[in-house]
Protein backbone atom coordinates (compact mmCIF):
# COMPACT_ATOMS: atom_id res chain seq x y z
CA MET A 1 64.01 105.83 121.44
CA MET A 2 64.89 109.27 120.05
CA LYS A 3 64.15 109.87 116.38
CA MET A 4 67.23 110.05 114.21
CA GLY A 5 68.46 109.32 110.71
CA VAL A 6 66.90 108.50 107.37
CA THR A 7 63.91 106.61 108.75
CA ALA A 8 62.79 109.42 111.07
CA PRO A 9 60.69 111.36 108.51
CA ALA A 10 57.37 109.67 107.70
CA GLY A 11 57.29 107.32 104.74
CA PHE A 12 60.92 106.22 104.45
CA VAL A 13 62.45 102.80 105.14
CA ALA A 14 65.98 101.43 105.26
CA SER A 15 67.89 98.16 105.50
CA SER A 16 71.44 96.86 105.80
CA MET A 17 73.40 93.65 105.54
CA SER A 18 76.79 92.13 104.87
CA GLY A 19 77.29 91.64 101.15
CA GLY A 20 80.78 90.18 101.45
CA ILE A 21 82.49 93.31 100.10
CA LYS A 22 84.40 93.79 103.35
CA SER A 23 86.43 90.69 104.10
CA ASP A 24 85.66 90.73 107.83
CA GLY A 25 81.91 90.27 107.39
CA ARG A 26 80.92 93.72 108.65
CA LEU A 27 77.84 95.45 107.30
CA ASP A 28 78.65 96.87 103.87
CA MET A 29 75.34 97.26 102.03
CA ALA A 30 72.48 99.63 102.79
CA LEU A 31 69.24 100.64 101.12
CA VAL A 32 67.09 103.72 101.68
CA ALA A 33 63.70 103.77 99.96
CA THR A 34 60.19 105.15 99.98
CA GLU A 35 57.98 102.77 101.93
CA ASP A 36 55.54 102.30 99.03
CA GLY A 37 58.09 102.05 96.22
CA GLN A 38 56.85 105.33 94.76
CA ALA A 39 59.38 107.52 92.94
CA VAL A 40 59.46 110.96 94.57
CA PRO A 41 61.21 114.27 93.87
CA CYS A 42 64.94 113.86 94.30
CA ALA A 43 67.94 116.18 94.20
CA ALA A 44 71.61 115.30 94.24
CA THR A 45 75.06 116.86 94.09
CA PHE A 46 78.12 114.95 92.96
CA THR A 47 81.90 115.10 93.07
CA ALA A 48 83.72 117.61 90.85
CA ASN A 49 86.46 114.99 90.28
CA LYS A 50 86.77 114.20 86.55
CA ALA A 51 87.66 110.62 87.50
CA ALA A 52 84.08 110.16 88.74
CA ALA A 53 83.24 106.62 89.81
CA ALA A 54 80.71 104.37 88.08
CA PRO A 55 77.93 104.98 90.65
CA VAL A 56 78.26 108.74 90.16
CA GLN A 57 78.02 108.40 86.39
CA VAL A 58 74.99 106.12 86.55
CA SER A 59 73.15 108.11 89.24
CA LYS A 60 73.60 111.32 87.26
CA ALA A 61 72.21 109.64 84.17
CA HIS A 62 69.25 108.16 86.04
CA LEU A 63 68.25 111.51 87.53
CA ALA A 64 68.43 113.10 84.10
CA GLU A 65 66.26 110.35 82.62
CA THR A 66 63.59 110.58 85.35
CA LYS A 67 63.74 114.40 85.43
CA GLY A 68 64.53 114.37 89.13
CA TYR A 69 62.63 111.44 90.61
CA ALA A 70 63.90 108.42 92.55
CA SER A 71 62.43 105.68 94.70
CA ALA A 72 65.53 104.22 96.36
CA VAL A 73 69.25 104.61 96.96
CA ILE A 74 71.57 101.59 97.21
CA LEU A 75 74.78 102.21 99.15
CA THR A 76 77.82 99.96 99.44
CA SER A 77 81.12 100.35 101.31
CA GLY A 78 84.50 98.71 100.94
CA ASN A 79 84.85 99.17 97.17
CA ALA A 80 84.58 102.52 95.38
CA ASN A 81 83.86 100.98 91.96
CA ALA A 82 86.01 103.79 90.55
CA ALA A 83 88.46 103.39 87.66
CA THR A 84 86.72 100.13 86.80
CA GLY A 85 85.73 100.91 83.20
CA VAL A 86 82.70 99.60 81.35
CA GLN A 87 82.34 96.66 83.74
CA GLY A 88 81.92 99.03 86.67
CA ILE A 89 79.05 100.81 84.92
CA SER A 90 77.46 97.46 84.09
CA ASP A 91 77.72 96.33 87.71
CA VAL A 92 75.94 99.46 88.94
CA GLU A 93 73.17 99.10 86.36
CA GLU A 94 72.71 95.48 87.43
CA LEU A 95 72.32 96.52 91.08
CA CYS A 96 69.64 98.98 90.02
CA SER A 97 67.77 96.38 87.95
CA LEU A 98 67.87 93.79 90.72
CA ALA A 99 66.63 96.25 93.33
CA ALA A 100 63.88 97.63 91.08
CA ARG A 101 62.59 94.15 90.30
CA ARG A 102 62.49 93.11 93.94
CA ILE A 103 60.91 96.37 95.14
CA GLY A 104 58.32 96.05 92.38
CA SER A 105 57.50 92.50 93.45
CA MET A 106 56.60 93.82 96.90
CA TYR A 107 53.88 95.96 95.32
CA SER A 108 52.09 93.89 92.68
CA SER A 109 50.52 96.99 91.13
CA LYS A 110 53.83 98.78 90.66
CA ASN A 111 56.41 98.55 87.91
CA ILE A 112 59.57 100.04 89.36
CA SER A 113 61.96 101.45 86.78
CA PRO A 114 65.67 100.75 87.29
CA ASN A 115 66.20 104.40 86.38
CA SER A 116 64.48 105.38 89.63
CA ILE A 117 67.25 103.69 91.64
CA LEU A 118 70.42 105.61 92.55
CA VAL A 119 73.68 104.10 93.76
CA CYS A 120 76.37 105.40 96.13
CA GLN A 121 79.60 103.46 96.70
CA THR A 122 82.72 104.11 98.74
CA GLY A 123 85.98 102.33 99.43
CA LEU A 124 89.12 101.38 97.52
CA ILE A 125 89.72 102.77 94.02
CA GLY A 126 90.78 100.72 91.01
CA ILE A 127 89.53 97.33 92.24
CA PRO A 128 86.74 95.57 90.31
CA PHE A 129 83.44 95.54 92.19
CA PRO A 130 82.62 91.97 93.43
CA ILE A 131 79.25 91.76 91.71
CA ASP A 132 79.30 87.95 91.70
CA GLN A 133 79.09 87.79 95.48
CA VAL A 134 76.75 90.77 95.83
CA ARG A 135 74.04 90.19 93.24
CA HIS A 136 72.34 87.31 95.05
CA ARG A 137 72.06 89.38 98.24
CA VAL A 138 70.07 92.26 96.78
CA ASP A 139 66.74 90.46 97.31
CA SER A 140 67.52 90.04 101.00
CA LEU A 141 68.53 93.69 101.25
CA VAL A 142 65.14 94.75 99.85
CA ASP A 143 63.26 92.23 101.99
CA GLY A 144 64.87 93.69 105.10
CA LEU A 145 63.46 97.19 104.62
CA GLY A 146 61.85 98.70 107.70
CA GLY A 147 61.05 102.07 109.19
CA SER A 148 62.34 101.64 112.74
CA ARG A 149 65.09 103.64 114.40
CA LYS A 150 67.27 100.54 114.33
CA HIS A 151 66.85 100.11 110.57
CA GLY A 152 68.19 103.63 110.02
CA GLU A 153 70.99 103.22 112.54
CA LEU A 154 72.31 100.04 110.94
CA ALA A 155 72.09 101.56 107.47
CA ALA A 156 74.31 104.42 108.68
CA ARG A 157 76.74 101.89 110.14
CA ALA A 158 76.88 99.91 106.89
CA ILE A 159 78.31 102.80 104.87
CA MET A 160 81.28 103.42 107.18
CA THR A 161 84.82 102.80 105.92
CA THR A 162 87.54 104.43 108.05
CA ASP A 163 84.87 106.26 110.06
CA LYS A 164 85.06 105.58 113.78
CA VAL A 165 81.40 106.39 114.39
CA GLN A 166 78.20 106.43 112.37
CA LYS A 167 76.83 109.83 111.39
CA GLU A 168 73.12 110.63 111.58
CA THR A 169 70.95 113.71 111.98
CA TYR A 170 67.32 114.70 112.46
CA ILE A 171 65.76 118.14 112.20
CA GLU A 172 62.17 118.58 113.35
CA ALA A 173 60.61 121.64 111.75
CA ASP A 174 57.11 123.15 111.79
CA GLY A 175 54.93 120.36 110.44
CA TYR A 176 57.67 118.39 108.67
CA SER A 177 61.11 116.94 109.30
CA VAL A 178 64.46 116.15 107.68
CA GLY A 179 66.55 113.09 108.55
CA GLY A 180 69.87 111.96 107.19
CA MET A 181 72.98 109.83 107.39
CA ALA A 182 76.51 110.23 106.05
CA LYS A 183 79.97 108.74 106.00
CA GLY A 184 83.29 110.49 105.69
CA ALA A 185 86.58 110.73 107.58
CA ALA A 186 89.30 111.70 105.07
CA MET A 187 89.84 113.06 101.56
CA LEU A 188 87.52 115.78 102.85
CA ALA A 189 87.70 118.72 100.48
CA PRO A 190 85.26 120.44 98.18
CA ASN A 191 83.57 119.55 96.12
CA MET A 192 82.49 117.77 98.40
CA ALA A 193 84.49 115.26 100.43
CA THR A 194 85.10 111.51 100.53
CA MET A 195 81.57 111.37 101.62
CA LEU A 196 78.20 109.87 100.95
CA ALA A 197 75.06 111.40 102.40
CA VAL A 198 71.38 110.56 102.05
CA LEU A 199 68.77 113.00 103.34
CA CYS A 200 65.02 112.36 103.52
CA THR A 201 62.17 114.77 104.14
CA ASP A 202 58.41 114.36 104.32
CA ALA A 203 57.97 117.92 102.98
CA ASN A 204 56.50 118.41 99.52
CA CYS A 205 58.79 120.06 96.97
CA ASP A 206 59.16 119.88 93.18
CA PRO A 207 62.44 118.50 91.79
CA ASP A 208 63.80 121.81 90.47
CA SER A 209 63.20 123.67 93.72
CA LEU A 210 64.60 120.74 95.69
CA GLN A 211 67.77 120.81 93.59
CA ASP A 212 68.22 124.53 94.24
CA ILE A 213 67.74 123.99 97.97
CA LEU A 214 70.23 121.13 98.14
CA ARG A 215 72.83 122.88 96.00
CA SER A 216 72.75 125.94 98.24
CA ALA A 217 72.81 123.86 101.43
CA VAL A 218 75.80 121.82 100.24
CA SER A 219 77.65 125.00 99.24
CA ASP A 220 77.14 126.41 102.74
CA THR A 221 78.13 123.23 104.61
CA PHE A 222 79.88 120.26 103.00
CA ASN A 223 81.78 122.55 100.63
CA ARG A 224 83.20 124.47 103.59
CA ILE A 225 85.05 121.53 105.13
CA SER A 226 88.54 120.45 104.15
CA VAL A 227 90.67 117.97 106.04
CA ASP A 228 93.43 117.29 103.53
CA GLY A 229 92.64 119.15 100.29
CA CYS A 230 91.79 115.92 98.44
CA THR A 231 88.54 115.38 96.51
CA SER A 232 87.18 111.88 96.10
CA THR A 233 85.87 110.09 93.01
CA ASN A 234 82.58 109.12 94.67
CA ASP A 235 81.18 112.10 96.58
CA THR A 236 77.40 112.14 96.51
CA VAL A 237 74.64 113.85 98.48
CA VAL A 238 71.05 112.76 97.78
CA LEU A 239 67.85 114.39 99.05
CA LEU A 240 64.47 112.63 98.71
CA ALA A 241 61.16 114.43 99.38
CA ASN A 242 57.99 112.33 99.58
CA GLY A 243 55.51 115.11 100.38
CA ARG A 244 53.76 113.24 103.20
CA SER A 245 53.49 116.42 105.29
CA GLY A 246 52.41 118.73 102.49
CA SER A 247 53.96 121.86 101.05
CA VAL A 248 56.29 124.07 103.08
CA ALA A 249 57.90 127.43 102.39
CA SER A 250 61.11 127.01 100.40
CA ASP A 251 63.11 129.18 102.80
CA SER A 252 61.99 127.01 105.71
CA LEU A 253 62.94 123.82 103.89
CA TYR A 254 66.31 125.29 102.91
CA SER A 255 66.99 126.22 106.53
CA SER A 256 66.18 122.69 107.73
CA VAL A 257 68.19 120.96 104.99
CA ARG A 258 71.13 123.27 105.65
CA GLU A 259 70.97 122.51 109.37
CA ALA A 260 70.94 118.77 108.64
CA CYS A 261 73.89 119.09 106.26
CA MET A 262 75.89 121.17 108.73
CA SER A 263 75.27 118.61 111.46
CA LEU A 264 76.61 115.83 109.24
CA ALA A 265 79.53 117.96 108.01
CA MET A 266 80.65 118.73 111.57
CA GLN A 267 80.35 115.07 112.51
CA MET A 268 82.67 114.22 109.61
CA VAL A 269 85.27 116.83 110.56
CA ASN A 270 85.19 115.76 114.20
CA ASP A 271 85.72 112.14 113.09
CA ALA A 272 88.47 112.95 110.59
CA GLU A 273 91.33 110.47 110.41
CA GLY A 274 93.88 111.16 113.12
CA ALA A 275 92.42 114.57 114.00
CA THR A 276 92.93 116.00 117.47
CA LYS A 277 91.74 119.54 116.59
CA THR A 278 88.82 121.01 114.70
CA ALA A 279 89.83 124.39 113.33
CA PHE A 280 87.62 127.20 112.03
CA ILE A 281 89.57 129.37 109.60
CA SER A 282 87.72 132.67 109.26
CA VAL A 283 88.74 135.41 106.85
CA GLU A 284 87.01 138.80 107.01
CA GLY A 285 87.72 142.23 105.62
CA ALA A 286 88.59 140.82 102.19
CA SER A 287 87.93 142.75 98.99
CA SER A 288 85.23 140.19 98.08
CA ASN A 289 83.70 136.97 99.36
CA SER A 290 85.54 135.05 96.66
CA ASP A 291 88.87 136.50 97.79
CA ALA A 292 88.00 135.61 101.38
CA ALA A 293 87.28 132.04 100.24
CA LYS A 294 90.64 131.82 98.44
CA ALA A 295 92.50 132.99 101.52
CA ALA A 296 90.60 130.80 103.97
CA ARG A 297 91.00 127.69 101.84
CA LYS A 298 94.74 128.28 101.37
CA VAL A 299 95.26 128.53 105.12
CA ALA A 300 92.98 125.57 105.89
CA GLU A 301 94.74 123.29 103.42
CA SER A 302 98.27 124.29 104.42
CA GLN A 303 100.13 121.32 105.85
CA LEU A 304 102.37 123.73 107.75
CA VAL A 305 99.40 125.38 109.44
CA GLN A 306 97.80 122.00 110.17
CA CYS A 307 101.02 120.70 111.71
CA SER A 308 101.19 123.80 113.90
CA LEU A 309 97.68 123.07 115.10
CA TYR A 310 98.69 119.53 116.01
CA GLY A 311 101.69 120.90 117.90
CA GLU A 312 99.47 123.49 119.62
CA ASP A 313 101.85 126.15 118.30
CA PRO A 314 100.20 129.50 117.39
CA TYR A 315 102.70 130.16 114.60
CA TRP A 316 100.80 132.97 112.87
CA GLY A 317 103.63 133.60 110.42
CA ARG A 318 102.59 130.50 108.51
CA VAL A 319 99.05 131.85 108.29
CA ALA A 320 100.23 135.19 106.93
CA SER A 321 102.50 133.50 104.41
CA GLU A 322 99.71 131.28 103.06
CA ILE A 323 97.33 134.22 102.62
CA GLY A 324 100.06 135.99 100.67
CA THR A 325 100.13 133.18 98.08
CA SER A 326 96.36 132.56 97.98
CA GLY A 327 95.67 134.82 95.02
CA ALA A 328 93.45 137.08 97.12
CA MET A 329 94.05 140.83 97.13
CA PHE A 330 96.42 141.33 100.06
CA ASP A 331 98.43 143.98 101.83
CA ILE A 332 100.41 142.56 104.73
CA ASP A 333 100.63 145.99 106.36
CA LYS A 334 96.86 145.81 106.94
CA LEU A 335 96.67 142.22 108.20
CA SER A 336 95.42 141.27 111.67
CA ILE A 337 95.36 137.68 113.00
CA TYR A 338 93.57 136.35 116.07
CA TYR A 339 93.64 132.93 117.72
CA GLY A 340 90.22 132.92 119.31
CA ASP A 341 89.90 136.41 120.84
CA ILE A 342 93.64 136.80 121.29
CA LEU A 343 95.25 139.25 118.85
CA VAL A 344 98.73 138.09 117.81
CA CYS A 345 99.36 140.18 114.70
CA ARG A 346 98.32 143.72 113.74
CA GLY A 347 99.50 145.55 110.64
CA GLY A 348 101.46 142.48 109.62
CA ILE A 349 103.69 142.46 112.71
CA ALA A 350 103.60 140.73 116.09
CA VAL A 351 101.81 142.35 119.01
CA ASP A 352 102.21 141.73 122.72
CA HIS A 353 99.71 139.24 124.10
CA ASP A 354 99.15 136.92 127.05
CA SER A 355 101.23 133.91 125.99
CA SER A 356 99.99 131.68 128.80
CA ALA A 357 96.36 132.41 127.90
CA LEU A 358 97.15 131.64 124.26
CA ALA A 359 98.87 128.38 125.21
CA GLY A 360 95.78 127.43 127.16
CA TYR A 361 93.54 128.25 124.19
CA MET A 362 95.65 126.09 121.85
CA ARG A 363 94.98 123.07 124.06
CA ASN A 364 91.26 123.21 123.18
CA ARG A 365 89.71 120.66 120.83
CA SER A 366 88.13 123.49 118.83
CA ILE A 367 90.29 126.38 117.57
CA GLU A 368 89.40 129.49 115.57
CA ILE A 369 91.97 131.40 113.54
CA ARG A 370 90.48 134.72 112.47
CA CYS A 371 92.21 136.82 109.83
CA ASN A 372 91.14 140.38 108.97
CA LEU A 373 92.57 141.67 105.69
CA ASN A 374 91.08 145.15 106.26
CA LEU A 375 90.44 145.67 102.54
CA GLY A 376 86.65 145.39 102.26
CA ASP A 377 83.56 143.53 103.40
CA GLY A 378 84.24 140.02 102.05
CA SER A 379 84.16 137.08 104.46
CA TYR A 380 84.32 133.28 104.38
CA GLN A 381 84.97 130.37 106.73
CA ILE A 382 86.50 126.93 106.14
CA ILE A 383 86.45 124.15 108.73
CA THR A 384 89.53 121.94 108.87
CA THR A 385 91.60 119.81 111.27
CA ASP A 386 95.17 119.41 112.38
CA LEU A 387 97.59 117.04 110.65
CA SER A 388 98.77 114.31 113.02
CA TYR A 389 100.79 111.12 113.09
CA GLY A 390 97.46 109.30 113.15
CA TYR A 391 96.49 110.65 109.74
CA ILE A 392 99.82 109.52 108.28
CA ASP A 393 99.50 106.06 109.83
CA GLU A 394 96.03 105.68 108.33
CA ASN A 395 97.07 106.77 104.83
CA ARG A 396 100.64 105.56 104.34
CA THR A 397 99.26 102.34 102.87
CA THR A 398 96.17 101.53 100.79
CA SER A 399 93.10 102.46 102.79
């Protein structure tokens, strides 16, 4: 069976089970750990939302206390444990203590610190976490750890909420590898998305360098996707490095981690709630990269533009209008807009084009809208989707 996911790199194990968080009995708990219980260098990025959930608060604190080391990540789905107050924090700390004790009991010579355990949770906000029905299942979750392809696959399945498919990746590099899993289908907007991701590598890297690598990789991938402009309370990306394969060049490791993150990011966009189009909004010729980012994000998060994509209508006027309010330096008399390779606007006015070819292009699953501001060398790209009836149906009630 092809290698894939968090258990693909040497020295990592995973497990999954139903903890009773989801009422239908589906898998809703997962664990990713080092196979010997050893705490290893760990990096993480977290949501920019000031209403950060309990697991985000605790995981941040644990990484600070261990100076960037972790031995395991507990993940649960079905309840975000956000806006749950002091009790929510207590529930997360209890999960860490229970897991640390059980992992330690598997290795009689090891004393596993609860601070070396991180927690990721996803699901409904504002509902108390059902710790009473979960706590007695943590031992079984730890006991189920294994390094097979199936263990990783089921762990990826356990963290799904409105996802239609599990999301996994594996990058085989020169002498080492990176594997990962993620969940995410809506509230996808920097920083980062309604997403959880765990990445594992058998490369050797110190915590500070690992953090720099992950931060840059996330900036180039997860932070460039936006489905609906909403940022979750729980977003977390974790990267564990156990060093089994020895030291590697930092630029090589960055390249592999970035490739893994981009794979997971694209899987999330392609699985976005109700999406029928994946759209690449590219802005070039801006006065700076930051201006290009402002313009691209404004277009990508425009409901009018997204509705046009769903209707397969190349209404470039909406694109021009959004750039004009983005805050980027802008002169409409210099603006050009392309749908794919088809030029529809030059100098801020319509140009003749093959309308039948453009209609055919708009029927594609993947669409690029390229905007040249002709003011400088700045460029940026955001990946988004259309806005469909399916998205509204999914989100018009609590989900």
